[in-house]
Amino acid sequence: MSTPKTIYPQSEARRLREQPCIHCGKLSRISRNVQDDGVGKLDPDVSVMWYCPNNLCDGHDGFSIETL
C-alpha cells in the first residue's frame, strides 16, 4: 500500500492549487498548515490536504494527490 504525501516544503506548497476530488471530480479547496518545528527554517515543512465541498463524498474529510 502506498503512503500519501502530505508534507511539502513551503516553497513547493505555495505553488499547489485547487484540484479535482479523486472520488467525485468536484474542484476541491486546499488547506496548508505550517509545521512548527521550533527551528525557524527558511523553507519550513507544510502539511497540505485537499477537501471536497461535497458533504457526502469520501474526499470531504481530506485527500492528497500524490503518494510516496
Protein backbone atom coordinates (compact mmCIF):
# COMPACT_ATOMS: atom_id res chain seq x y z
CA MET A 1 0.00 0.00 0.00
CA SER A 2 1.35 3.45 -0.87
CA THR A 3 1.72 6.28 1.64
CA PRO A 4 0.04 9.59 0.77
CA LYS A 5 2.34 12.58 0.51
CA THR A 6 1.04 15.38 2.72
CA ILE A 7 4.23 17.24 3.75
CA TYR A 8 5.82 19.66 1.28
CA PRO A 9 8.48 22.38 1.58
CA GLN A 10 6.72 25.76 1.87
CA SER A 11 8.20 26.94 -1.43
CA GLU A 12 6.59 23.99 -3.21
CA ALA A 13 3.31 24.14 -1.24
CA ARG A 14 2.74 27.75 -2.37
CA ARG A 15 2.53 26.57 -5.98
CA LEU A 16 -0.11 23.91 -5.29
CA ARG A 17 -3.64 24.84 -6.37
CA GLU A 18 -7.19 23.52 -6.08
CA GLN A 19 -7.55 20.02 -7.54
CA PRO A 20 -10.46 17.88 -8.69
CA CYS A 21 -11.59 15.47 -5.98
CA ILE A 22 -10.15 11.99 -6.55
CA HIS A 23 -13.52 10.49 -5.56
CA CYS A 24 -16.19 12.62 -7.28
CA GLY A 25 -14.32 15.10 -9.52
CA LYS A 26 -15.55 18.36 -7.91
CA LEU A 27 -12.99 21.14 -7.56
CA SER A 28 -11.60 20.87 -4.02
CA ARG A 29 -10.05 23.55 -1.84
CA ILE A 30 -6.56 23.24 -0.43
CA SER A 31 -5.54 23.61 3.20
CA ARG A 32 -1.95 24.48 4.13
CA ASN A 33 -0.63 24.34 7.71
CA VAL A 34 2.97 25.20 8.58
CA GLN A 35 4.58 22.51 10.73
CA ASP A 36 6.23 24.48 13.55
CA ASP A 37 9.45 22.69 14.37
CA GLY A 38 10.79 25.50 16.56
CA VAL A 39 13.96 25.83 14.47
CA GLY A 40 12.82 28.69 12.24
CA LYS A 41 13.88 27.19 8.90
CA LEU A 42 13.84 29.42 5.81
CA ASP A 43 11.70 26.88 3.95
CA PRO A 44 9.62 25.12 6.66
CA ASP A 45 7.59 21.98 6.06
CA VAL A 46 3.89 22.48 5.34
CA SER A 47 1.09 19.95 5.78
CA VAL A 48 -1.13 20.01 2.68
CA MET A 49 -4.57 18.42 2.25
CA TRP A 50 -7.42 18.96 -0.19
CA TYR A 51 -11.04 18.93 1.00
CA CYS A 52 -14.01 18.16 -1.25
CA PRO A 53 -17.00 20.54 -0.90
CA ASN A 54 -19.47 17.64 -1.29
CA ASN A 55 -20.54 16.55 2.23
CA LEU A 56 -21.48 13.07 1.01
CA CYS A 57 -18.15 12.41 -0.73
CA ASP A 58 -15.30 10.36 0.79
CA GLY A 59 -12.96 13.27 -0.08
CA HIS A 60 -14.83 15.64 2.27
CA ASP A 61 -12.58 14.51 5.16
CA GLY A 62 -9.44 15.27 3.14
CA PHE A 63 -7.29 13.63 0.49
CA SER A 64 -3.84 14.00 -1.02
CA ILE A 65 -2.94 13.93 -4.71
CA GLU A 66 0.48 12.23 -4.58
CA THR A 67 1.94 9.15 -2.98
CA LEU A 68 5.43 8.45 -1.72
